[in-house]
């Protein structure tokens, strides 16, 4: 099994989230609410990054305007909307 850089980042995020959740648990109800928000944010991060999909990772290209990573077959940047030159044209 080959581990991609994005998977390492996602696992690091989950380790940090787990540490925060352990600390927030002892803060009482306010910490529980904040902990739930942190947990939901981490879930959204891993969902948006496509790290844990069953399909193999597709090749990516950097956006020339903002530098964000996008799939090669995307016509525009997912983050800033700039047209990507490497979209098959």
N, C-alpha and C. Protein backbone atom coordinates (compact mmCIF):
# COMPACT_ATOMS: atom_id res chain seq x y z
N UNK A 1 0.84 -1.19 0.00
CA UNK A 1 0.00 0.00 0.00
C UNK A 1 0.88 1.24 0.00
N UNK A 2 0.64 2.11 -0.94
CA UNK A 2 1.41 3.34 -1.06
C UNK A 2 0.68 4.47 -0.36
N UNK A 3 1.37 5.19 0.50
CA UNK A 3 0.76 6.29 1.25
C UNK A 3 1.08 7.60 0.53
N UNK A 4 0.03 8.34 0.19
CA UNK A 4 0.18 9.62 -0.49
C UNK A 4 0.39 10.73 0.55
N UNK A 5 0.94 11.86 0.11
CA UNK A 5 1.18 12.99 1.00
C UNK A 5 -0.12 13.52 1.60
N UNK A 6 -1.20 13.51 0.82
CA UNK A 6 -2.47 14.00 1.33
C UNK A 6 -2.99 13.13 2.46
N UNK A 7 -2.73 11.82 2.38
CA UNK A 7 -3.16 10.93 3.45
C UNK A 7 -2.38 11.19 4.73
N UNK A 8 -1.11 11.49 4.61
CA UNK A 8 -0.29 11.80 5.77
C UNK A 8 -0.80 13.08 6.43
N UNK A 9 -1.14 14.08 5.63
CA UNK A 9 -1.66 15.34 6.17
C UNK A 9 -2.99 15.09 6.88
N UNK A 10 -3.87 14.30 6.27
CA UNK A 10 -5.16 14.02 6.88
C UNK A 10 -4.99 13.27 8.20
N UNK A 11 -4.09 12.31 8.24
CA UNK A 11 -3.85 11.59 9.49
C UNK A 11 -3.27 12.49 10.56
N UNK A 12 -2.39 13.42 10.17
CA UNK A 12 -1.84 14.37 11.13
C UNK A 12 -2.95 15.28 11.67
N UNK A 13 -3.86 15.70 10.79
CA UNK A 13 -4.98 16.53 11.24
C UNK A 13 -5.83 15.76 12.24
N UNK A 14 -6.10 14.48 11.97
CA UNK A 14 -6.90 13.68 12.89
C UNK A 14 -6.20 13.47 14.22
N UNK A 15 -4.88 13.35 14.23
CA UNK A 15 -4.16 13.23 15.50
C UNK A 15 -4.27 14.51 16.32
N UNK A 16 -4.15 15.65 15.66
CA UNK A 16 -4.30 16.93 16.36
C UNK A 16 -5.73 17.09 16.86
N UNK A 17 -6.71 16.72 16.05
CA UNK A 17 -8.11 16.80 16.46
C UNK A 17 -8.36 15.90 17.67
N UNK A 18 -7.80 14.71 17.66
CA UNK A 18 -7.98 13.80 18.78
C UNK A 18 -7.40 14.39 20.07
N UNK A 19 -6.24 15.04 19.97
CA UNK A 19 -5.64 15.68 21.14
C UNK A 19 -6.52 16.81 21.65
N UNK A 20 -7.04 17.64 20.73
CA UNK A 20 -7.94 18.72 21.14
C UNK A 20 -9.22 18.18 21.76
N UNK A 21 -9.76 17.12 21.20
CA UNK A 21 -10.99 16.54 21.75
C UNK A 21 -10.76 16.02 23.16
N UNK A 22 -9.59 15.43 23.41
CA UNK A 22 -9.28 14.95 24.75
C UNK A 22 -9.22 16.11 25.74
N UNK A 23 -8.63 17.22 25.35
CA UNK A 23 -8.56 18.39 26.23
C UNK A 23 -9.94 19.03 26.39
N UNK A 24 -10.68 19.16 25.30
CA UNK A 24 -11.98 19.81 25.35
C UNK A 24 -12.99 19.00 26.16
N UNK A 25 -12.82 17.68 26.23
CA UNK A 25 -13.72 16.85 27.00
C UNK A 25 -13.76 17.27 28.47
N UNK A 26 -12.62 17.69 29.01
CA UNK A 26 -12.53 18.08 30.41
C UNK A 26 -12.99 19.50 30.69
N UNK A 27 -13.37 20.25 29.66
CA UNK A 27 -13.80 21.63 29.85
C UNK A 27 -15.29 21.75 30.16
N UNK A 28 -16.00 20.66 30.15
CA UNK A 28 -17.43 20.69 30.44
C UNK A 28 -18.24 20.95 29.19
N UNK A 29 -19.47 21.40 29.35
CA UNK A 29 -20.39 21.58 28.22
C UNK A 29 -19.87 22.50 27.11
N UNK A 30 -19.19 23.56 27.49
CA UNK A 30 -18.64 24.47 26.46
C UNK A 30 -17.59 23.73 25.63
N UNK A 31 -16.74 22.98 26.28
CA UNK A 31 -15.73 22.21 25.58
C UNK A 31 -16.34 21.14 24.70
N UNK A 32 -17.45 20.57 25.14
CA UNK A 32 -18.12 19.54 24.34
C UNK A 32 -18.66 20.14 23.05
N UNK A 33 -19.25 21.33 23.13
CA UNK A 33 -19.78 21.99 21.94
C UNK A 33 -18.64 22.34 20.98
N UNK A 34 -17.58 22.91 21.52
CA UNK A 34 -16.43 23.25 20.68
C UNK A 34 -15.82 21.97 20.09
N UNK A 35 -15.77 20.91 20.88
CA UNK A 35 -15.24 19.63 20.40
C UNK A 35 -16.04 19.07 19.24
N UNK A 36 -17.35 19.17 19.32
CA UNK A 36 -18.21 18.70 18.23
C UNK A 36 -17.94 19.52 16.97
N UNK A 37 -17.78 20.83 17.12
CA UNK A 37 -17.50 21.68 15.96
C UNK A 37 -16.14 21.34 15.34
N UNK A 38 -15.14 21.10 16.18
CA UNK A 38 -13.82 20.72 15.68
C UNK A 38 -13.91 19.38 14.95
N UNK A 39 -14.63 18.43 15.53
CA UNK A 39 -14.79 17.12 14.91
C UNK A 39 -15.49 17.23 13.56
N UNK A 40 -16.56 18.02 13.48
CA UNK A 40 -17.28 18.19 12.22
C UNK A 40 -16.40 18.89 11.17
N UNK A 41 -15.60 19.85 11.61
CA UNK A 41 -14.67 20.51 10.70
C UNK A 41 -13.64 19.54 10.13
N UNK A 42 -13.14 18.65 10.97
CA UNK A 42 -12.17 17.65 10.50
C UNK A 42 -12.83 16.68 9.53
N UNK A 43 -14.08 16.31 9.80
CA UNK A 43 -14.80 15.45 8.86
C UNK A 43 -14.96 16.13 7.51
N UNK A 44 -15.30 17.41 7.54
CA UNK A 44 -15.48 18.16 6.28
C UNK A 44 -14.15 18.26 5.53
N UNK A 45 -13.06 18.48 6.25
CA UNK A 45 -11.73 18.57 5.62
C UNK A 45 -11.40 17.29 4.88
N UNK A 46 -11.58 16.16 5.54
CA UNK A 46 -11.23 14.90 4.90
C UNK A 46 -12.19 14.56 3.77
N UNK A 47 -13.43 15.02 3.86
CA UNK A 47 -14.39 14.80 2.78
C UNK A 47 -14.02 15.63 1.55
N UNK A 48 -13.62 16.88 1.77
CA UNK A 48 -13.26 17.75 0.65
C UNK A 48 -11.95 17.35 0.00
N UNK A 49 -11.06 16.77 0.77
CA UNK A 49 -9.75 16.44 0.21
C UNK A 49 -9.74 15.11 -0.54
N UNK A 50 -10.81 14.33 -0.52
CA UNK A 50 -10.91 13.05 -1.21
C UNK A 50 -9.81 12.08 -0.79
N UNK A 51 -9.35 12.18 0.46
CA UNK A 51 -8.24 11.35 0.91
C UNK A 51 -8.65 9.90 1.08
N UNK A 52 -9.84 9.66 1.60
CA UNK A 52 -10.22 8.30 1.95
C UNK A 52 -11.18 7.68 0.95
N UNK A 53 -11.20 8.16 -0.28
CA UNK A 53 -12.01 7.54 -1.31
C UNK A 53 -11.39 6.20 -1.71
N UNK A 54 -12.22 5.29 -2.18
CA UNK A 54 -11.73 4.00 -2.60
C UNK A 54 -11.02 4.06 -3.95
N UNK A 55 -11.29 5.08 -4.74
CA UNK A 55 -10.68 5.18 -6.05
C UNK A 55 -9.27 5.75 -5.95
N UNK A 56 -8.39 5.39 -6.87
CA UNK A 56 -7.03 5.92 -6.82
C UNK A 56 -7.02 7.44 -7.03
N UNK A 57 -6.03 8.07 -6.44
CA UNK A 57 -5.89 9.51 -6.56
C UNK A 57 -5.57 9.89 -8.00
N UNK A 58 -6.26 10.91 -8.48
CA UNK A 58 -6.00 11.39 -9.84
C UNK A 58 -4.85 12.39 -9.83
N UNK A 59 -4.25 12.55 -10.98
CA UNK A 59 -3.16 13.51 -11.11
C UNK A 59 -3.69 14.92 -10.87
N UNK A 60 -2.88 15.76 -10.25
CA UNK A 60 -3.31 17.12 -9.92
C UNK A 60 -2.34 18.13 -10.50
N UNK A 61 -2.83 19.36 -10.63
CA UNK A 61 -2.05 20.47 -11.16
C UNK A 61 -2.31 21.69 -10.27
N UNK A 62 -1.31 22.56 -10.16
CA UNK A 62 -1.47 23.79 -9.38
C UNK A 62 -2.16 24.86 -10.21
N UNK A 63 -3.05 25.62 -9.58
CA UNK A 63 -3.70 26.74 -10.24
C UNK A 63 -2.67 27.86 -10.44
N UNK A 64 -2.59 28.45 -11.64
CA UNK A 64 -1.61 29.51 -11.86
C UNK A 64 -1.93 30.80 -11.10
N UNK A 65 -3.19 30.98 -10.72
CA UNK A 65 -3.59 32.21 -10.02
C UNK A 65 -3.38 32.12 -8.51
N UNK A 66 -3.87 31.03 -7.89
CA UNK A 66 -3.83 30.95 -6.42
C UNK A 66 -2.93 29.84 -5.89
N UNK A 67 -2.50 28.92 -6.77
CA UNK A 67 -1.61 27.84 -6.35
C UNK A 67 -2.31 26.63 -5.76
N UNK A 68 -3.63 26.62 -5.71
CA UNK A 68 -4.36 25.50 -5.14
C UNK A 68 -4.23 24.26 -6.02
N UNK A 69 -4.28 23.09 -5.40
CA UNK A 69 -4.19 21.82 -6.13
C UNK A 69 -5.56 21.48 -6.69
N UNK A 70 -5.61 21.17 -7.98
CA UNK A 70 -6.84 20.79 -8.66
C UNK A 70 -6.57 19.56 -9.51
N UNK A 71 -7.61 18.81 -9.79
CA UNK A 71 -7.48 17.66 -10.69
C UNK A 71 -7.14 18.16 -12.10
N UNK A 72 -6.39 17.38 -12.82
CA UNK A 72 -5.95 17.77 -14.16
C UNK A 72 -7.15 18.00 -15.08
N UNK A 73 -8.21 17.21 -14.93
CA UNK A 73 -9.35 17.33 -15.84
C UNK A 73 -10.36 18.40 -15.44
N UNK A 74 -10.10 19.15 -14.36
CA UNK A 74 -11.00 20.25 -13.97
C UNK A 74 -10.80 21.44 -14.91
N UNK A 75 -11.89 22.03 -15.44
CA UNK A 75 -11.73 23.18 -16.35
C UNK A 75 -11.35 24.46 -15.61
N UNK A 76 -11.82 24.61 -14.37
CA UNK A 76 -11.51 25.82 -13.59
C UNK A 76 -11.06 25.41 -12.20
N UNK A 77 -10.40 26.32 -11.52
CA UNK A 77 -9.93 26.10 -10.16
C UNK A 77 -11.13 25.99 -9.22
N UNK A 78 -11.11 25.00 -8.34
CA UNK A 78 -12.20 24.81 -7.38
C UNK A 78 -12.23 25.91 -6.32
N UNK A 79 -11.13 26.62 -6.14
CA UNK A 79 -11.03 27.59 -5.06
C UNK A 79 -11.22 29.03 -5.52
N UNK A 80 -10.59 29.40 -6.64
CA UNK A 80 -10.70 30.81 -7.08
C UNK A 80 -11.47 30.98 -8.39
N UNK A 81 -11.74 29.88 -9.09
CA UNK A 81 -12.50 29.94 -10.33
C UNK A 81 -11.67 30.28 -11.57
N UNK A 82 -10.37 30.45 -11.42
CA UNK A 82 -9.49 30.77 -12.55
C UNK A 82 -9.48 29.60 -13.53
N UNK A 83 -9.43 29.90 -14.81
CA UNK A 83 -9.42 28.87 -15.85
C UNK A 83 -8.05 28.17 -15.83
N UNK A 84 -8.07 26.83 -15.83
CA UNK A 84 -6.84 26.05 -15.80
C UNK A 84 -6.41 25.71 -17.21
N UNK A 85 -5.16 25.96 -17.53
CA UNK A 85 -4.64 25.74 -18.89
C UNK A 85 -4.48 24.25 -19.18
N UNK A 86 -4.27 23.43 -18.14
CA UNK A 86 -3.99 22.00 -18.35
C UNK A 86 -5.27 21.17 -18.36
N UNK A 87 -6.40 21.76 -18.71
CA UNK A 87 -7.67 21.03 -18.66
C UNK A 87 -7.99 20.32 -19.97
N UNK A 88 -6.96 19.89 -20.66
CA UNK A 88 -7.17 19.12 -21.88
C UNK A 88 -7.23 19.95 -23.15
N UNK A 89 -6.86 21.20 -23.08
CA UNK A 89 -6.90 22.06 -24.28
C UNK A 89 -5.49 22.44 -24.67
